[in-house]
Amino acid sequence: MADAVHIPDEAETRARWGAFEWTAENAEQAKKVIARYPAGRQQSAVMPLLDLAQRQVGAETQTNGWLPVPVMEYIGRQLDMPYMRVYEVATFYTMYNLAPVGRYHVQVCGTTPCMLRGSDDVFAACKNKGLVKGGTTPDGLFTLTEVECLGACANAPMVQINDDNFEDLTYDSTVAILETLAAGGQPKIGPQIDRQTSAPEGGPTTLKDMVSDNHDYRGDWA
């Protein structure tokens, strides 16, 4: 596939990450996570530990982070869990990166609701700013990935960048977000139009009298 990620050479990866260990802070966090589960069920902690490890790798590389094989093996040993089981989890969810990514991982939803509402314009904006699906920009700033439903269909089209959602996008608003990030700024998170979360654009359309009068209806049922 043209947009497939490039997984580094195994020898290179093991040379860099073969001695991976938790930082002191993350070691304490890992203990707390594992303690949430009954004895013998510690393998249930695999997802939060994968996320924690990816964030540690990201902090060490000044990127959004990824999961080298030795890091997944480390988690498997800690949880007494076969490496392949850890790998199966990591490959199932797009929240885990199996190859290096940039500082900002731009995940564009291409599922039907977003496609019908203009995800092609979002992709066009990314392309015109130098982003290529499955690749990282030469400056190491952006990695672009197409993903399936991110659960914000009412606010389509949308994109997840690292931990934040940006919704109700247009070509221009997508360009503005990318330019703000490239300049070291923080763009507005959430809807890029005049609406609160997933409420109707422009404000409430029903029960306006209740909202405007701020009635207390608790006594009406007496």
C-alpha atoms as a PDB file:
ATOM      1  CA  MET A   1       0.000   0.000   0.000  1.00  0.00           C
ATOM      2  CA  ALA A   2       1.246   3.442  -0.896  1.00  0.00           C
ATOM      3  CA  ASP A   3       0.217   4.855   2.463  1.00  0.00           C
ATOM      4  CA  ALA A   4       1.642   2.020   4.594  1.00  0.00           C
ATOM      5  CA  VAL A   5       3.863   3.122   7.451  1.00  0.00           C
ATOM      6  CA  HIS A   6       7.580   2.344   7.366  1.00  0.00           C
ATOM      7  CA  ILE A   7       8.658   0.109  10.240  1.00  0.00           C
ATOM      8  CA  PRO A   8      12.371   0.566  10.989  1.00  0.00           C
ATOM      9  CA  ASP A   9      14.926  -2.201  10.607  1.00  0.00           C
ATOM     10  CA  GLU A  10      14.753  -4.658  13.508  1.00  0.00           C
ATOM     11  CA  ALA A  11      18.455  -4.421  14.332  1.00  0.00           C
ATOM     12  CA  GLU A  12      18.205  -0.640  14.456  1.00  0.00           C
ATOM     13  CA  THR A  13      15.104  -0.822  16.616  1.00  0.00           C
ATOM     14  CA  ARG A  14      16.634  -3.260  19.095  1.00  0.00           C
ATOM     15  CA  ALA A  15      19.809  -1.225  19.324  1.00  0.00           C
ATOM     16  CA  ARG A  16      17.796   1.846  20.291  1.00  0.00           C
ATOM     17  CA  TRP A  17      15.006   0.339  22.397  1.00  0.00           C
ATOM     18  CA  GLY A  18      16.270  -3.055  23.558  1.00  0.00           C
ATOM     19  CA  ALA A  19      17.062  -1.710  27.038  1.00  0.00           C
ATOM     20  CA  PHE A  20      13.709   0.066  27.476  1.00  0.00           C
ATOM     21  CA  GLU A  21      12.528   0.479  31.053  1.00  0.00           C
ATOM     22  CA  TRP A  22       9.898   2.636  32.675  1.00  0.00           C
ATOM     23  CA  THR A  23      10.921   5.983  34.023  1.00  0.00           C
ATOM     24  CA  ALA A  24      10.533   6.202  37.796  1.00  0.00           C
ATOM     25  CA  GLU A  25       7.271   8.104  37.422  1.00  0.00           C
ATOM     26  CA  ASN A  26       5.855   5.714  34.830  1.00  0.00           C
ATOM     27  CA  ALA A  27       6.924   2.684  36.863  1.00  0.00           C
ATOM     28  CA  GLU A  28       4.731   3.930  39.701  1.00  0.00           C
ATOM     29  CA  GLN A  29       1.886   4.584  37.286  1.00  0.00           C
ATOM     30  CA  ALA A  30       2.239   1.094  35.811  1.00  0.00           C
ATOM     31  CA  LYS A  31       1.983  -0.421  39.303  1.00  0.00           C
ATOM     32  CA  LYS A  32      -1.206   1.539  39.961  1.00  0.00           C
ATOM     33  CA  VAL A  33      -2.718   0.389  36.675  1.00  0.00           C
ATOM     34  CA  ILE A  34      -1.881  -3.282  37.274  1.00  0.00           C
ATOM     35  CA  ALA A  35      -3.265  -3.063  40.821  1.00  0.00           C
ATOM     36  CA  ARG A  36      -6.715  -2.288  39.418  1.00  0.00           C
ATOM     37  CA  TYR A  37      -7.107  -5.909  38.362  1.00  0.00           C
ATOM     38  CA  PRO A  38      -7.427  -9.095  40.465  1.00  0.00           C
ATOM     39  CA  ALA A  39      -4.474 -11.397  40.898  1.00  0.00           C
ATOM     40  CA  GLY A  40      -4.011 -13.497  37.795  1.00  0.00           C
ATOM     41  CA  ARG A  41      -5.850 -10.957  35.651  1.00  0.00           C
ATOM     42  CA  GLN A  42      -3.014  -8.491  35.229  1.00  0.00           C
ATOM     43  CA  GLN A  43      -3.042  -8.998  31.463  1.00  0.00           C
ATOM     44  CA  SER A  44      -6.123  -6.765  31.431  1.00  0.00           C
ATOM     45  CA  ALA A  45      -3.718  -3.857  31.992  1.00  0.00           C
ATOM     46  CA  VAL A  46      -2.162  -4.255  28.547  1.00  0.00           C
ATOM     47  CA  MET A  47      -4.013  -1.385  26.870  1.00  0.00           C
ATOM     48  CA  PRO A  48      -3.202   1.352  29.410  1.00  0.00           C
ATOM     49  CA  LEU A  49       0.392   0.117  29.627  1.00  0.00           C
ATOM     50  CA  LEU A  50       0.766   0.263  25.850  1.00  0.00           C
ATOM     51  CA  ASP A  51      -0.529   3.819  25.934  1.00  0.00           C
ATOM     52  CA  LEU A  52       1.838   4.707  28.773  1.00  0.00           C
ATOM     53  CA  ALA A  53       4.791   3.194  26.906  1.00  0.00           C
ATOM     54  CA  GLN A  54       3.916   5.013  23.699  1.00  0.00           C
ATOM     55  CA  ARG A  55       3.811   8.297  25.603  1.00  0.00           C
ATOM     56  CA  GLN A  56       7.200   7.588  27.195  1.00  0.00           C
ATOM     57  CA  VAL A  57       8.722   6.864  23.788  1.00  0.00           C
ATOM     58  CA  GLY A  58       7.126  10.069  22.537  1.00  0.00           C
ATOM     59  CA  ALA A  59       8.616  12.082  25.380  1.00  0.00           C
ATOM     60  CA  GLU A  60      12.061  10.636  24.685  1.00  0.00           C
ATOM     61  CA  THR A  61      11.861  11.341  20.946  1.00  0.00           C
ATOM     62  CA  GLN A  62       9.866  14.598  21.051  1.00  0.00           C
ATOM     63  CA  THR A  63       7.160  13.017  18.917  1.00  0.00           C
ATOM     64  CA  ASN A  64       3.664  11.616  19.451  1.00  0.00           C
ATOM     65  CA  GLY A  65       5.305   8.276  20.244  1.00  0.00           C
ATOM     66  CA  TRP A  66       5.219   4.726  18.917  1.00  0.00           C
ATOM     67  CA  LEU A  67       5.652   1.123  20.075  1.00  0.00           C
ATOM     68  CA  PRO A  68       8.914  -0.573  19.063  1.00  0.00           C
ATOM     69  CA  VAL A  69       8.878  -4.363  19.330  1.00  0.00           C
ATOM     70  CA  PRO A  70      11.283  -4.430  22.326  1.00  0.00           C
ATOM     71  CA  VAL A  71       8.918  -2.089  24.182  1.00  0.00           C
ATOM     72  CA  MET A  72       5.965  -4.405  23.569  1.00  0.00           C
ATOM     73  CA  GLU A  73       8.111  -7.352  24.674  1.00  0.00           C
ATOM     74  CA  TYR A  74       8.924  -5.464  27.884  1.00  0.00           C
ATOM     75  CA  ILE A  75       5.218  -5.011  28.601  1.00  0.00           C
ATOM     76  CA  GLY A  76       4.583  -8.684  27.851  1.00  0.00           C
ATOM     77  CA  ARG A  77       7.205  -9.722  30.390  1.00  0.00           C
ATOM     78  CA  GLN A  78       5.787  -7.414  33.032  1.00  0.00           C
ATOM     79  CA  LEU A  79       2.292  -8.814  32.534  1.00  0.00           C
ATOM     80  CA  ASP A  80       3.433 -12.438  32.078  1.00  0.00           C
ATOM     81  CA  MET A  81       1.806 -12.250  28.665  1.00  0.00           C
ATOM     82  CA  PRO A  82       3.087 -13.705  25.358  1.00  0.00           C
ATOM     83  CA  TYR A  83       4.509 -11.016  23.109  1.00  0.00           C
ATOM     84  CA  MET A  84       2.145 -12.042  20.299  1.00  0.00           C
ATOM     85  CA  ARG A  85      -0.876 -11.270  22.500  1.00  0.00           C
ATOM     86  CA  VAL A  86       0.504  -7.797  23.172  1.00  0.00           C
ATOM     87  CA  TYR A  87       1.143  -7.327  19.461  1.00  0.00           C
ATOM     88  CA  GLU A  88      -2.408  -8.420  18.616  1.00  0.00           C
ATOM     89  CA  VAL A  89      -3.795  -5.642  20.824  1.00  0.00           C
ATOM     90  CA  ALA A  90      -1.404  -3.036  19.450  1.00  0.00           C
ATOM     91  CA  THR A  91      -2.265  -3.874  15.841  1.00  0.00           C
ATOM     92  CA  PHE A  92      -6.037  -3.820  16.416  1.00  0.00           C
ATOM     93  CA  TYR A  93      -6.373  -0.220  17.613  1.00  0.00           C
ATOM     94  CA  THR A  94      -5.288   2.808  15.601  1.00  0.00           C
ATOM     95  CA  MET A  95      -4.490   4.622  18.848  1.00  0.00           C
ATOM     96  CA  TYR A  96      -1.235   2.648  18.913  1.00  0.00           C
ATOM     97  CA  ASN A  97       1.519   3.522  16.453  1.00  0.00           C
ATOM     98  CA  LEU A  98       3.656   0.664  15.174  1.00  0.00           C
ATOM     99  CA  ALA A  99       6.140   2.940  13.437  1.00  0.00           C
ATOM    100  CA  PRO A 100       7.658   6.332  14.267  1.00  0.00           C
ATOM    101  CA  VAL A 101       5.399   9.334  13.791  1.00  0.00           C
ATOM    102  CA  GLY A 102       5.907  13.076  13.902  1.00  0.00           C
ATOM    103  CA  ARG A 103       5.291  15.485  16.727  1.00  0.00           C
ATOM    104  CA  TYR A 104       1.693  15.769  15.540  1.00  0.00           C
ATOM    105  CA  HIS A 105      -0.105  12.643  14.398  1.00  0.00           C
ATOM    106  CA  VAL A 106      -2.894  13.845  12.114  1.00  0.00           C
ATOM    107  CA  GLN A 107      -5.565  11.145  11.921  1.00  0.00           C
ATOM    108  CA  VAL A 108      -8.267  12.035   9.406  1.00  0.00           C
ATOM    109  CA  CYS A 109     -11.540  10.131   9.536  1.00  0.00           C
ATOM    110  CA  GLY A 110     -12.524   8.870   6.096  1.00  0.00           C
ATOM    111  CA  THR A 111     -15.641   6.936   7.085  1.00  0.00           C
ATOM    112  CA  THR A 112     -18.975   7.614   5.334  1.00  0.00           C
ATOM    113  CA  PRO A 113     -20.358  10.471   7.502  1.00  0.00           C
ATOM    114  CA  CYS A 114     -17.074  12.388   7.320  1.00  0.00           C
ATOM    115  CA  MET A 115     -16.679  11.602   3.629  1.00  0.00           C
ATOM    116  CA  LEU A 116     -20.170  12.911   2.857  1.00  0.00           C
ATOM    117  CA  ARG A 117     -19.489  16.062   4.876  1.00  0.00           C
ATOM    118  CA  GLY A 118     -16.173  16.921   3.250  1.00  0.00           C
ATOM    119  CA  SER A 119     -13.281  14.768   4.434  1.00  0.00           C
ATOM    120  CA  ASP A 120     -11.878  15.027   0.896  1.00  0.00           C
ATOM    121  CA  ASP A 121     -11.386  18.746   1.553  1.00  0.00           C
ATOM    122  CA  VAL A 122      -9.565  17.916   4.775  1.00  0.00           C
ATOM    123  CA  PHE A 123      -7.250  15.550   2.914  1.00  0.00           C
ATOM    124  CA  ALA A 124      -6.719  18.167   0.203  1.00  0.00           C
ATOM    125  CA  ALA A 125      -5.712  20.739   2.827  1.00  0.00           C
ATOM    126  CA  CYS A 126      -3.263  18.252   4.350  1.00  0.00           C
ATOM    127  CA  LYS A 127      -1.812  17.427   0.939  1.00  0.00           C
ATOM    128  CA  ASN A 128      -1.354  21.080   0.053  1.00  0.00           C
ATOM    129  CA  LYS A 129       0.540  21.600   3.311  1.00  0.00           C
ATOM    130  CA  GLY A 130       2.945  18.820   2.395  1.00  0.00           C
ATOM    131  CA  LEU A 131       1.388  15.918   4.304  1.00  0.00           C
ATOM    132  CA  VAL A 132       1.252  12.513   2.604  1.00  0.00           C
ATOM    133  CA  LYS A 133      -0.804   9.589   3.908  1.00  0.00           C
ATOM    134  CA  GLY A 134       1.392   7.117   5.727  1.00  0.00           C
ATOM    135  CA  GLY A 135       4.323   9.508   5.755  1.00  0.00           C
ATOM    136  CA  THR A 136       5.984  12.087   7.954  1.00  0.00           C
ATOM    137  CA  THR A 137       6.920  15.541   6.734  1.00  0.00           C
ATOM    138  CA  PRO A 138      10.681  16.157   6.258  1.00  0.00           C
ATOM    139  CA  ASP A 139      10.760  18.443   9.295  1.00  0.00           C
ATOM    140  CA  GLY A 140       9.406  15.635  11.474  1.00  0.00           C
ATOM    141  CA  LEU A 141       6.402  17.709  12.456  1.00  0.00           C
ATOM    142  CA  PHE A 142       3.397  15.925  10.943  1.00  0.00           C
ATOM    143  CA  THR A 143       2.412  12.340  10.188  1.00  0.00           C
ATOM    144  CA  LEU A 144      -0.826  11.813   8.248  1.00  0.00           C
ATOM    145  CA  THR A 145      -2.989   8.718   8.657  1.00  0.00           C
ATOM    146  CA  GLU A 146      -6.453   7.877   7.368  1.00  0.00           C
ATOM    147  CA  VAL A 147      -8.517   6.101  10.025  1.00  0.00           C
ATOM    148  CA  GLU A 148     -12.017   4.767  10.395  1.00  0.00           C
ATOM    149  CA  CYS A 149     -14.762   6.189  12.592  1.00  0.00           C
ATOM    150  CA  LEU A 150     -13.493   8.287  15.503  1.00  0.00           C
ATOM    151  CA  GLY A 151     -16.947   8.655  17.027  1.00  0.00           C
ATOM    152  CA  ALA A 152     -17.720  12.295  16.217  1.00  0.00           C
ATOM    153  CA  CYS A 153     -20.088  11.718  13.292  1.00  0.00           C
ATOM    154  CA  ALA A 154     -22.444  14.549  14.283  1.00  0.00           C
ATOM    155  CA  ASN A 155     -19.538  16.970  13.903  1.00  0.00           C
ATOM    156  CA  ALA A 156     -18.179  15.591  10.641  1.00  0.00           C
ATOM    157  CA  PRO A 157     -15.742  16.013   9.073  1.00  0.00           C
ATOM    158  CA  MET A 158     -13.197  15.748  11.816  1.00  0.00           C
ATOM    159  CA  VAL A 159      -9.596  14.943  12.563  1.00  0.00           C
ATOM    160  CA  GLN A 160      -7.806  13.738  15.691  1.00  0.00           C
ATOM    161  CA  ILE A 161      -4.390  15.286  16.259  1.00  0.00           C
ATOM    162  CA  ASN A 162      -2.572  13.599  19.140  1.00  0.00           C
ATOM    163  CA  ASP A 163      -5.141  13.636  21.969  1.00  0.00           C
ATOM    164  CA  ASP A 164      -7.420  16.348  20.592  1.00  0.00           C
ATOM    165  CA  ASN A 165     -10.384  16.334  18.200  1.00  0.00           C
ATOM    166  CA  PHE A 166     -10.971  19.108  15.677  1.00  0.00           C
ATOM    167  CA  GLU A 167     -14.457  19.023  14.196  1.00  0.00           C
ATOM    168  CA  ASP A 168     -16.785  20.668  11.650  1.00  0.00           C
ATOM    169  CA  LEU A 169     -13.809  21.216   9.405  1.00  0.00           C
ATOM    170  CA  THR A 170     -13.452  22.919   6.062  1.00  0.00           C
ATOM    171  CA  TYR A 171     -10.466  23.211   3.784  1.00  0.00           C
ATOM    172  CA  ASP A 172      -9.619  26.629   5.239  1.00  0.00           C
ATOM    173  CA  SER A 173     -10.052  25.681   8.888  1.00  0.00           C
ATOM    174  CA  THR A 174      -7.880  22.598   8.385  1.00  0.00           C
ATOM    175  CA  VAL A 175      -5.128  24.720   6.853  1.00  0.00           C
ATOM    176  CA  ALA A 176      -5.399  27.173   9.747  1.00  0.00           C
ATOM    177  CA  ILE A 177      -5.045  24.375  12.327  1.00  0.00           C
ATOM    178  CA  LEU A 178      -1.965  22.942  10.632  1.00  0.00           C
ATOM    179  CA  GLU A 179      -0.369  26.354  10.287  1.00  0.00           C
ATOM    180  CA  THR A 180      -1.025  27.183  13.940  1.00  0.00           C
ATOM    181  CA  LEU A 181       0.566  23.915  15.090  1.00  0.00           C
ATOM    182  CA  ALA A 182       3.547  24.437  12.788  1.00  0.00           C
ATOM    183  CA  ALA A 183       4.060  27.876  14.310  1.00  0.00           C
ATOM    184  CA  GLY A 184       4.065  26.429  17.825  1.00  0.00           C
ATOM    185  CA  GLY A 185       0.580  27.619  18.724  1.00  0.00           C
ATOM    186  CA  GLN A 186      -2.503  25.854  20.070  1.00  0.00           C
ATOM    187  CA  PRO A 187      -5.533  25.901  17.752  1.00  0.00           C
ATOM    188  CA  LYS A 188      -9.053  25.820  19.123  1.00  0.00           C
ATOM    189  CA  ILE A 189      -9.998  22.268  20.095  1.00  0.00           C
ATOM    190  CA  GLY A 190     -13.396  20.834  19.184  1.00  0.00           C
ATOM    191  CA  PRO A 191     -15.939  22.326  16.764  1.00  0.00           C
ATOM    192  CA  GLN A 192     -14.565  24.938  14.406  1.00  0.00           C
ATOM    193  CA  ILE A 193     -18.014  26.502  13.940  1.00  0.00           C
ATOM    194  CA  ASP A 194     -20.418  28.266  16.320  1.00  0.00           C
ATOM    195  CA  ARG A 195     -21.728  25.372  18.335  1.00  0.00           C
ATOM    196  CA  GLN A 196     -21.249  23.902  21.795  1.00  0.00           C
ATOM    197  CA  THR A 197     -19.890  20.340  21.584  1.00  0.00           C
ATOM    198  CA  SER A 198     -22.456  18.538  19.380  1.00  0.00           C
ATOM    199  CA  ALA A 199     -25.341  20.949  19.957  1.00  0.00           C
ATOM    200  CA  PRO A 200     -27.045  22.601  16.959  1.00  0.00           C
ATOM    201  CA  GLU A 201     -25.133  25.367  15.230  1.00  0.00           C
ATOM    202  CA  GLY A 202     -26.250  28.771  16.497  1.00  0.00           C
ATOM    203  CA  GLY A 203     -27.606  27.563  19.835  1.00  0.00           C
ATOM    204  CA  PRO A 204     -30.661  25.635  21.087  1.00  0.00           C
ATOM    205  CA  THR A 205     -33.554  24.994  18.720  1.00  0.00           C
ATOM    206  CA  THR A 206     -35.978  23.529  21.282  1.00  0.00           C
ATOM    207  CA  LEU A 207     -37.060  24.407  24.843  1.00  0.00           C
ATOM    208  CA  LYS A 208     -35.860  27.953  24.294  1.00  0.00           C
ATOM    209  CA  ASP A 209     -38.319  29.391  26.835  1.00  0.00           C
ATOM    210  CA  MET A 210     -37.014  27.045  29.513  1.00  0.00           C
ATOM    211  CA  VAL A 211     -33.452  28.101  28.760  1.00  0.00           C
ATOM    212  CA  SER A 212     -34.161  31.831  28.562  1.00  0.00           C
ATOM    213  CA  ASP A 213     -36.481  32.053  31.590  1.00  0.00           C
ATOM    214  CA  ASN A 214     -34.375  29.720  33.730  1.00  0.00           C
ATOM    215  CA  HIS A 215     -37.531  28.365  35.422  1.00  0.00           C
ATOM    216  CA  ASP A 216     -37.351  26.031  38.368  1.00  0.00           C
ATOM    217  CA  TYR A 217     -39.879  23.331  37.509  1.00  0.00           C
ATOM    218  CA  ARG A 218     -39.277  21.142  40.539  1.00  0.00           C
ATOM    219  CA  GLY A 219     -42.513  22.313  42.165  1.00  0.00           C
ATOM    220  CA  ASP A 220     -44.704  21.633  39.143  1.00  0.00           C
ATOM    221  CA  TRP A 221     -45.036  17.957  40.035  1.00  0.00           C
ATOM    222  CA  ALA A 222     -46.391  18.590  43.541  1.00  0.00           C
END
